Amino acid sequence: MRSYNILKEKVARFHADPEIREILRALEQRGTTPVAGVGPGVKYDRALATTLKAHTFDVAQMAARGYEYERLDQMTTEVLLGVR
């Protein structure tokens, strides 16, 4: 039970951190932006696969935006280690 309570406190700190919340909000917004007319909650099928294969993705633009996961991973580690 002690370990559970320790981790529960870490989760609360994680969710209360404004910088972490900002990253999560940005990632969620990106995840809800349709690509090739396809958004979240779409069932994968052959027609969808064909649509995505035909879509031209701007890889340079996607790379420039980044996904912030490395930064989020570092912040998560800092919360778990108690230095954030």
PDB file of N, CA and C in Angstrom:
ATOM      1  N   MET A   1       0.815  -1.178   0.000  1.00  0.00           N
ATOM      2  CA  MET A   1       0.000   0.000   0.000  1.00  0.00           C
ATOM      3  C   MET A   1       0.869   1.257   0.000  1.00  0.00           C
ATOM      4  N   ARG A   2       2.007   1.173   0.668  1.00  0.00           N
ATOM      5  CA  ARG A   2       2.903   2.343   0.724  1.00  0.00           C
ATOM      6  C   ARG A   2       3.383   2.715  -0.674  1.00  0.00           C
ATOM      7  N   SER A   3       3.765   1.706  -1.458  1.00  0.00           N
ATOM      8  CA  SER A   3       4.224   1.968  -2.834  1.00  0.00           C
ATOM      9  C   SER A   3       3.112   2.589  -3.665  1.00  0.00           C
ATOM     10  N   TYR A   4       1.908   2.087  -3.508  1.00  0.00           N
ATOM     11  CA  TYR A   4       0.760   2.634  -4.227  1.00  0.00           C
ATOM     12  C   TYR A   4       0.587   4.117  -3.901  1.00  0.00           C
ATOM     13  N   ASN A   5       0.655   4.458  -2.617  1.00  0.00           N
ATOM     14  CA  ASN A   5       0.482   5.855  -2.197  1.00  0.00           C
ATOM     15  C   ASN A   5       1.601   6.752  -2.727  1.00  0.00           C
ATOM     16  N   ILE A   6       2.822   6.220  -2.776  1.00  0.00           N
ATOM     17  CA  ILE A   6       3.947   6.988  -3.335  1.00  0.00           C
ATOM     18  C   ILE A   6       3.693   7.279  -4.808  1.00  0.00           C
ATOM     19  N   LEU A   7       3.310   6.249  -5.565  1.00  0.00           N
ATOM     20  CA  LEU A   7       3.050   6.436  -6.994  1.00  0.00           C
ATOM     21  C   LEU A   7       1.833   7.319  -7.235  1.00  0.00           C
ATOM     22  N   LYS A   8       0.835   7.214  -6.378  1.00  0.00           N
ATOM     23  CA  LYS A   8      -0.355   8.070  -6.496  1.00  0.00           C
ATOM     24  C   LYS A   8       0.040   9.543  -6.370  1.00  0.00           C
ATOM     25  N   GLU A   9       0.940   9.838  -5.451  1.00  0.00           N
ATOM     26  CA  GLU A   9       1.430  11.207  -5.275  1.00  0.00           C
ATOM     27  C   GLU A   9       2.214  11.666  -6.507  1.00  0.00           C
ATOM     28  N   LYS A  10       3.018  10.772  -7.084  1.00  0.00           N
ATOM     29  CA  LYS A  10       3.785  11.108  -8.292  1.00  0.00           C
ATOM     30  C   LYS A  10       2.854  11.414  -9.460  1.00  0.00           C
ATOM     31  N   VAL A  11       1.788  10.636  -9.589  1.00  0.00           N
ATOM     32  CA  VAL A  11       0.813  10.874 -10.659  1.00  0.00           C
ATOM     33  C   VAL A  11       0.155  12.239 -10.482  1.00  0.00           C
ATOM     34  N   ALA A  12      -0.174  12.582  -9.259  1.00  0.00           N
ATOM     35  CA  ALA A  12      -0.779  13.887  -8.995  1.00  0.00           C
ATOM     36  C   ALA A  12       0.182  15.017  -9.368  1.00  0.00           C
ATOM     37  N   ARG A  13       1.456  14.855  -9.041  1.00  0.00           N
ATOM     38  CA  ARG A  13       2.457  15.866  -9.405  1.00  0.00           C
ATOM     39  C   ARG A  13       2.592  15.974 -10.922  1.00  0.00           C
ATOM     40  N   PHE A  14       2.599  14.818 -11.590  1.00  0.00           N
ATOM     41  CA  PHE A  14       2.695  14.786 -13.054  1.00  0.00           C
ATOM     42  C   PHE A  14       1.551  15.586 -13.673  1.00  0.00           C
ATOM     43  N   HIS A  15       0.323  15.312 -13.232  1.00  0.00           N
ATOM     44  CA  HIS A  15      -0.850  15.968 -13.809  1.00  0.00           C
ATOM     45  C   HIS A  15      -0.960  17.441 -13.413  1.00  0.00           C
ATOM     46  N   ALA A  16      -0.329  17.837 -12.328  1.00  0.00           N
ATOM     47  CA  ALA A  16      -0.392  19.228 -11.881  1.00  0.00           C
ATOM     48  C   ALA A  16       0.684  20.103 -12.528  1.00  0.00           C
ATOM     49  N   ASP A  17       1.690  19.497 -13.120  1.00  0.00           N
ATOM     50  CA  ASP A  17       2.807  20.248 -13.696  1.00  0.00           C
ATOM     51  C   ASP A  17       2.347  21.003 -14.948  1.00  0.00           C
ATOM     52  N   PRO A  18       2.442  22.344 -14.944  1.00  0.00           N
ATOM     53  CA  PRO A  18       1.934  23.119 -16.076  1.00  0.00           C
ATOM     54  C   PRO A  18       2.664  22.842 -17.391  1.00  0.00           C
ATOM     55  N   GLU A  19       3.958  22.604 -17.323  1.00  0.00           N
ATOM     56  CA  GLU A  19       4.722  22.333 -18.553  1.00  0.00           C
ATOM     57  C   GLU A  19       4.327  20.986 -19.151  1.00  0.00           C
ATOM     58  N   ILE A  20       4.135  20.000 -18.308  1.00  0.00           N
ATOM     59  CA  ILE A  20       3.691  18.680 -18.774  1.00  0.00           C
ATOM     60  C   ILE A  20       2.289  18.777 -19.352  1.00  0.00           C
ATOM     61  N   ARG A  21       1.423  19.516 -18.688  1.00  0.00           N
ATOM     62  CA  ARG A  21       0.046  19.688 -19.186  1.00  0.00           C
ATOM     63  C   ARG A  21       0.034  20.347 -20.556  1.00  0.00           C
ATOM     64  N   GLU A  22       0.921  21.317 -20.752  1.00  0.00           N
ATOM     65  CA  GLU A  22       1.005  22.010 -22.038  1.00  0.00           C
ATOM     66  C   GLU A  22       1.426  21.041 -23.151  1.00  0.00           C
ATOM     67  N   ILE A  23       2.418  20.216 -22.870  1.00  0.00           N
ATOM     68  CA  ILE A  23       2.866  19.236 -23.865  1.00  0.00           C
ATOM     69  C   ILE A  23       1.752  18.245 -24.174  1.00  0.00           C
ATOM     70  N   LEU A  24       1.094  17.737 -23.149  1.00  0.00           N
ATOM     71  CA  LEU A  24       0.008  16.776 -23.363  1.00  0.00           C
ATOM     72  C   LEU A  24      -1.139  17.389 -24.158  1.00  0.00           C
ATOM     73  N   ARG A  25      -1.449  18.636 -23.886  1.00  0.00           N
ATOM     74  CA  ARG A  25      -2.513  19.332 -24.617  1.00  0.00           C
ATOM     75  C   ARG A  25      -2.141  19.470 -26.100  1.00  0.00           C
ATOM     76  N   ALA A  26      -0.889  19.851 -26.373  1.00  0.00           N
ATOM     77  CA  ALA A  26      -0.430  20.001 -27.756  1.00  0.00           C
ATOM     78  C   ALA A  26      -0.449  18.660 -28.484  1.00  0.00           C
ATOM     79  N   LEU A  27      -0.020  17.604 -27.805  1.00  0.00           N
ATOM     80  CA  LEU A  27      -0.019  16.273 -28.425  1.00  0.00           C
ATOM     81  C   LEU A  27      -1.442  15.793 -28.688  1.00  0.00           C
ATOM     82  N   GLU A  28      -2.344  16.083 -27.768  1.00  0.00           N
ATOM     83  CA  GLU A  28      -3.739  15.682 -27.959  1.00  0.00           C
ATOM     84  C   GLU A  28      -4.352  16.422 -29.150  1.00  0.00           C
ATOM     85  N   GLN A  29      -4.035  17.698 -29.260  1.00  0.00           N
ATOM     86  CA  GLN A  29      -4.568  18.478 -30.378  1.00  0.00           C
ATOM     87  C   GLN A  29      -4.042  17.939 -31.703  1.00  0.00           C
ATOM     88  N   ARG A  30      -2.778  17.598 -31.756  1.00  0.00           N
ATOM     89  CA  ARG A  30      -2.218  17.024 -32.986  1.00  0.00           C
ATOM     90  C   ARG A  30      -2.893  15.699 -33.317  1.00  0.00           C
ATOM     91  N   GLY A  31      -3.199  14.928 -32.297  1.00  0.00           N
ATOM     92  CA  GLY A  31      -3.825  13.627 -32.505  1.00  0.00           C
ATOM     93  C   GLY A  31      -5.256  13.705 -32.973  1.00  0.00           C
ATOM     94  N   THR A  32      -5.882  14.872 -32.823  1.00  0.00           N
ATOM     95  CA  THR A  32      -7.265  15.010 -33.257  1.00  0.00           C
ATOM     96  C   THR A  32      -7.378  15.739 -34.600  1.00  0.00           C
ATOM     97  N   THR A  33      -6.230  16.111 -35.163  1.00  0.00           N
ATOM     98  CA  THR A  33      -6.232  16.782 -36.460  1.00  0.00           C
ATOM     99  C   THR A  33      -6.291  15.726 -37.556  1.00  0.00           C
ATOM    100  N   PRO A  34      -7.310  15.781 -38.395  1.00  0.00           N
ATOM    101  CA  PRO A  34      -7.417  14.777 -39.460  1.00  0.00           C
ATOM    102  C   PRO A  34      -6.249  14.835 -40.443  1.00  0.00           C
ATOM    103  N   VAL A  35      -5.819  13.679 -40.885  1.00  0.00           N
ATOM    104  CA  VAL A  35      -4.788  13.546 -41.913  1.00  0.00           C
ATOM    105  C   VAL A  35      -5.420  12.803 -43.072  1.00  0.00           C
ATOM    106  N   ALA A  36      -5.361  13.390 -44.238  1.00  0.00           N
ATOM    107  CA  ALA A  36      -5.972  12.789 -45.434  1.00  0.00           C
ATOM    108  C   ALA A  36      -7.453  12.511 -45.196  1.00  0.00           C
ATOM    109  N   GLY A  37      -8.087  13.384 -44.415  1.00  0.00           N
ATOM    110  CA  GLY A  37      -9.512  13.217 -44.142  1.00  0.00           C
ATOM    111  C   GLY A  37      -9.809  12.161 -43.098  1.00  0.00           C
ATOM    112  N   VAL A  38      -8.783  11.652 -42.454  1.00  0.00           N
ATOM    113  CA  VAL A  38      -8.938  10.587 -41.471  1.00  0.00           C
ATOM    114  C   VAL A  38      -8.571  11.136 -40.096  1.00  0.00           C
ATOM    115  N   GLY A  39      -9.460  10.970 -39.132  1.00  0.00           N
ATOM    116  CA  GLY A  39      -9.209  11.440 -37.774  1.00  0.00           C
ATOM    117  C   GLY A  39      -9.222  10.283 -36.791  1.00  0.00           C
ATOM    118  N   PRO A  40      -9.170  10.600 -35.500  1.00  0.00           N
ATOM    119  CA  PRO A  40      -9.174   9.543 -34.489  1.00  0.00           C
ATOM    120  C   PRO A  40     -10.502   8.789 -34.465  1.00  0.00           C
ATOM    121  N   GLY A  41     -10.460   7.588 -33.999  1.00  0.00           N
ATOM    122  CA  GLY A  41     -11.671   6.787 -33.870  1.00  0.00           C
ATOM    123  C   GLY A  41     -12.135   6.139 -35.167  1.00  0.00           C
ATOM    124  N   VAL A  42     -11.316   6.218 -36.206  1.00  0.00           N
ATOM    125  CA  VAL A  42     -11.687   5.638 -37.491  1.00  0.00           C
ATOM    126  C   VAL A  42     -11.309   4.162 -37.498  1.00  0.00           C
ATOM    127  N   LYS A  43     -12.185   3.347 -38.013  1.00  0.00           N
ATOM    128  CA  LYS A  43     -11.897   1.924 -38.101  1.00  0.00           C
ATOM    129  C   LYS A  43     -11.003   1.657 -39.308  1.00  0.00           C
ATOM    130  N   TYR A  44      -9.934   0.951 -39.072  1.00  0.00           N
ATOM    131  CA  TYR A  44      -8.987   0.637 -40.140  1.00  0.00           C
ATOM    132  C   TYR A  44      -9.576  -0.424 -41.069  1.00  0.00           C
ATOM    133  N   ASP A  45      -9.500  -0.158 -42.362  1.00  0.00           N
ATOM    134  CA  ASP A  45      -9.928  -1.141 -43.356  1.00  0.00           C
ATOM    135  C   ASP A  45      -9.137  -0.909 -44.644  1.00  0.00           C
ATOM    136  N   ARG A  46      -9.418  -1.666 -45.674  1.00  0.00           N
ATOM    137  CA  ARG A  46      -8.661  -1.554 -46.925  1.00  0.00           C
ATOM    138  C   ARG A  46      -8.828  -0.188 -47.586  1.00  0.00           C
ATOM    139  N   ALA A  47     -10.033   0.370 -47.537  1.00  0.00           N
ATOM    140  CA  ALA A  47     -10.266   1.682 -48.138  1.00  0.00           C
ATOM    141  C   ALA A  47      -9.433   2.748 -47.438  1.00  0.00           C
ATOM    142  N   LEU A  48      -9.357   2.679 -46.123  1.00  0.00           N
ATOM    143  CA  LEU A  48      -8.558   3.631 -45.366  1.00  0.00           C
ATOM    144  C   LEU A  48      -7.074   3.463 -45.708  1.00  0.00           C
ATOM    145  N   ALA A  49      -6.630   2.236 -45.801  1.00  0.00           N
ATOM    146  CA  ALA A  49      -5.237   1.971 -46.166  1.00  0.00           C
ATOM    147  C   ALA A  49      -4.920   2.575 -47.524  1.00  0.00           C
ATOM    148  N   THR A  50      -5.817   2.423 -48.477  1.00  0.00           N
ATOM    149  CA  THR A  50      -5.622   2.978 -49.818  1.00  0.00           C
ATOM    150  C   THR A  50      -5.554   4.502 -49.758  1.00  0.00           C
ATOM    151  N   THR A  51      -6.433   5.118 -48.973  1.00  0.00           N
ATOM    152  CA  THR A  51      -6.443   6.576 -48.817  1.00  0.00           C
ATOM    153  C   THR A  51      -5.127   7.067 -48.237  1.00  0.00           C
ATOM    154  N   LEU A  52      -4.664   6.409 -47.193  1.00  0.00           N
ATOM    155  CA  LEU A  52      -3.416   6.837 -46.555  1.00  0.00           C
ATOM    156  C   LEU A  52      -2.213   6.620 -47.463  1.00  0.00           C
ATOM    157  N   LYS A  53      -2.201   5.527 -48.211  1.00  0.00           N
ATOM    158  CA  LYS A  53      -1.094   5.268 -49.135  1.00  0.00           C
ATOM    159  C   LYS A  53      -1.041   6.311 -50.242  1.00  0.00           C
ATOM    160  N   ALA A  54      -2.188   6.829 -50.639  1.00  0.00           N
ATOM    161  CA  ALA A  54      -2.244   7.814 -51.721  1.00  0.00           C
ATOM    162  C   ALA A  54      -1.918   9.224 -51.234  1.00  0.00           C
ATOM    163  N   HIS A  55      -1.991   9.449 -49.938  1.00  0.00           N
ATOM    164  CA  HIS A  55      -1.754  10.788 -49.383  1.00  0.00           C
ATOM    165  C   HIS A  55      -0.266  11.112 -49.406  1.00  0.00           C
ATOM    166  N   THR A  56       0.065  12.348 -49.760  1.00  0.00           N
ATOM    167  CA  THR A  56       1.452  12.804 -49.729  1.00  0.00           C
ATOM    168  C   THR A  56       1.688  13.527 -48.405  1.00  0.00           C
ATOM    169  N   PHE A  57       2.536  12.965 -47.587  1.00  0.00           N
ATOM    170  CA  PHE A  57       2.863  13.550 -46.297  1.00  0.00           C
ATOM    171  C   PHE A  57       4.074  14.458 -46.446  1.00  0.00           C
ATOM    172  N   ASP A  58       4.043  15.618 -45.833  1.00  0.00           N
ATOM    173  CA  ASP A  58       5.173  16.533 -45.835  1.00  0.00           C
ATOM    174  C   ASP A  58       6.069  16.166 -44.654  1.00  0.00           C
ATOM    175  N   VAL A  59       7.018  15.286 -44.914  1.00  0.00           N
ATOM    176  CA  VAL A  59       7.866  14.742 -43.857  1.00  0.00           C
ATOM    177  C   VAL A  59       8.710  15.837 -43.208  1.00  0.00           C
ATOM    178  N   ALA A  60       9.217  16.769 -43.998  1.00  0.00           N
ATOM    179  CA  ALA A  60      10.033  17.854 -43.433  1.00  0.00           C
ATOM    180  C   ALA A  60       9.214  18.695 -42.459  1.00  0.00           C
ATOM    181  N   GLN A  61       7.975  18.996 -42.824  1.00  0.00           N
ATOM    182  CA  GLN A  61       7.110  19.773 -41.940  1.00  0.00           C
ATOM    183  C   GLN A  61       6.797  18.992 -40.665  1.00  0.00           C
ATOM    184  N   MET A  62       6.534  17.717 -40.810  1.00  0.00           N
ATOM    185  CA  MET A  62       6.235  16.884 -39.647  1.00  0.00           C
ATOM    186  C   MET A  62       7.439  16.819 -38.712  1.00  0.00           C
ATOM    187  N   ALA A  63       8.634  16.674 -39.275  1.00  0.00           N
ATOM    188  CA  ALA A  63       9.847  16.598 -38.460  1.00  0.00           C
ATOM    189  C   ALA A  63      10.122  17.925 -37.764  1.00  0.00           C
ATOM    190  N   ALA A  64       9.842  19.033 -38.456  1.00  0.00           N
ATOM    191  CA  ALA A  64      10.080  20.351 -37.867  1.00  0.00           C
ATOM    192  C   ALA A  64       9.191  20.596 -36.658  1.00  0.00           C
ATOM    193  N   ARG A  65       7.961  20.078 -36.698  1.00  0.00           N
ATOM    194  CA  ARG A  65       7.042  20.238 -35.562  1.00  0.00           C
ATOM    195  C   ARG A  65       7.515  19.453 -34.363  1.00  0.00           C
ATOM    196  N   GLY A  66       8.085  18.288 -34.605  1.00  0.00           N
ATOM    197  CA  GLY A  66       8.496  17.434 -33.511  1.00  0.00           C
ATOM    198  C   GLY A  66       7.286  16.874 -32.779  1.00  0.00           C
ATOM    199  N   TYR A  67       7.526  15.991 -31.867  1.00  0.00           N
ATOM    200  CA  TYR A  67       6.415  15.404 -31.131  1.00  0.00           C
ATOM    201  C   TYR A  67       6.561  15.515 -29.627  1.00  0.00           C
ATOM    202  N   GLU A  68       7.651  16.077 -29.172  1.00  0.00           N
ATOM    203  CA  GLU A  68       7.825  16.378 -27.755  1.00  0.00           C
ATOM    204  C   GLU A  68       7.891  15.140 -26.849  1.00  0.00           C
ATOM    205  N   TYR A  69       7.890  13.943 -27.425  1.00  0.00           N
ATOM    206  CA  TYR A  69       7.878  12.756 -26.565  1.00  0.00           C
ATOM    207  C   TYR A  69       9.166  12.612 -25.768  1.00  0.00           C
ATOM    208  N   GLU A  70      10.294  12.954 -26.370  1.00  0.00           N
ATOM    209  CA  GLU A  70      11.557  12.846 -25.638  1.00  0.00           C
ATOM    210  C   GLU A  70      11.548  13.779 -24.436  1.00  0.00           C
ATOM    211  N   ARG A  71      11.072  15.002 -24.638  1.00  0.00           N
ATOM    212  CA  ARG A  71      10.984  15.971 -23.541  1.00  0.00           C
ATOM    213  C   ARG A  71      10.007  15.496 -22.468  1.00  0.00           C
ATOM    214  N   LEU A  72       8.877  14.955 -22.907  1.00  0.00           N
ATOM    215  CA  LEU A  72       7.888  14.440 -21.961  1.00  0.00           C
ATOM    216  C   LEU A  72       8.454  13.252 -21.175  1.00  0.00           C
ATOM    217  N   ASP A  73       9.194  12.381 -21.846  1.00  0.00           N
ATOM    218  CA  ASP A  73       9.828  11.253 -21.156  1.00  0.00           C
ATOM    219  C   ASP A  73      10.786  11.738 -20.078  1.00  0.00           C
ATOM    220  N   GLN A  74      11.575  12.770 -20.399  1.00  0.00           N
ATOM    221  CA  GLN A  74      12.522  13.309 -19.419  1.00  0.00           C
ATOM    222  C   GLN A  74      11.789  13.882 -18.223  1.00  0.00           C
ATOM    223  N   MET A  75      10.724  14.618 -18.474  1.00  0.00           N
ATOM    224  CA  MET A  75       9.951  15.205 -17.367  1.00  0.00           C
ATOM    225  C   MET A  75       9.307  14.130 -16.508  1.00  0.00           C
ATOM    226  N   THR A  76       8.817  13.077 -17.142  1.00  0.00           N
ATOM    227  CA  THR A  76       8.218  11.963 -16.398  1.00  0.00           C
ATOM    228  C   THR A  76       9.249  11.324 -15.483  1.00  0.00           C
ATOM    229  N   THR A  77      10.450  11.107 -16.005  1.00  0.00           N
ATOM    230  CA  THR A  77      11.529  10.535 -15.193  1.00  0.00           C
ATOM    231  C   THR A  77      11.852  11.450 -14.013  1.00  0.00           C
ATOM    232  N   GLU A  78      11.884  12.754 -14.273  1.00  0.00           N
ATOM    233  CA  GLU A  78      12.174  13.703 -13.189  1.00  0.00           C
ATOM    234  C   GLU A  78      11.097  13.676 -12.115  1.00  0.00           C
ATOM    235  N   VAL A  79       9.842  13.539 -12.506  1.00  0.00           N
ATOM    236  CA  VAL A  79       8.754  13.435 -11.515  1.00  0.00           C
ATOM    237  C   VAL A  79       8.937  12.165 -10.692  1.00  0.00           C
ATOM    238  N   LEU A  80       9.206  11.053 -11.367  1.00  0.00           N
ATOM    239  CA  LEU A  80       9.356   9.776 -10.667  1.00  0.00           C
ATOM    240  C   LEU A  80      10.552   9.792  -9.711  1.00  0.00           C
ATOM    241  N   LEU A  81      11.632  10.494 -10.105  1.00  0.00           N
ATOM    242  CA  LEU A  81      12.821  10.554  -9.252  1.00  0.00           C
ATOM    243  C   LEU A  81      12.713  11.614  -8.175  1.00  0.00           C
ATOM    244  N   GLY A  82      11.663  12.435  -8.234  1.00  0.00           N
ATOM    245  CA  GLY A  82      11.442  13.436  -7.202  1.00  0.00           C
ATOM    246  C   GLY A  82      12.244  14.722  -7.368  1.00  0.00           C
ATOM    247  N   VAL A  83      12.747  14.982  -8.571  1.00  0.00           N
ATOM    248  CA  VAL A  83      13.507  16.212  -8.785  1.00  0.00           C
ATOM    249  C   VAL A  83      12.690  17.255  -9.540  1.00  0.00           C
ATOM    250  N   ARG A  84      11.457  16.969  -9.815  1.00  0.00           N
ATOM    251  CA  ARG A  84      10.572  17.908 -10.512  1.00  0.00           C
ATOM    252  C   ARG A  84       9.324  18.105  -9.676  1.00  0.00           C
TER     253      ARG A  84
END
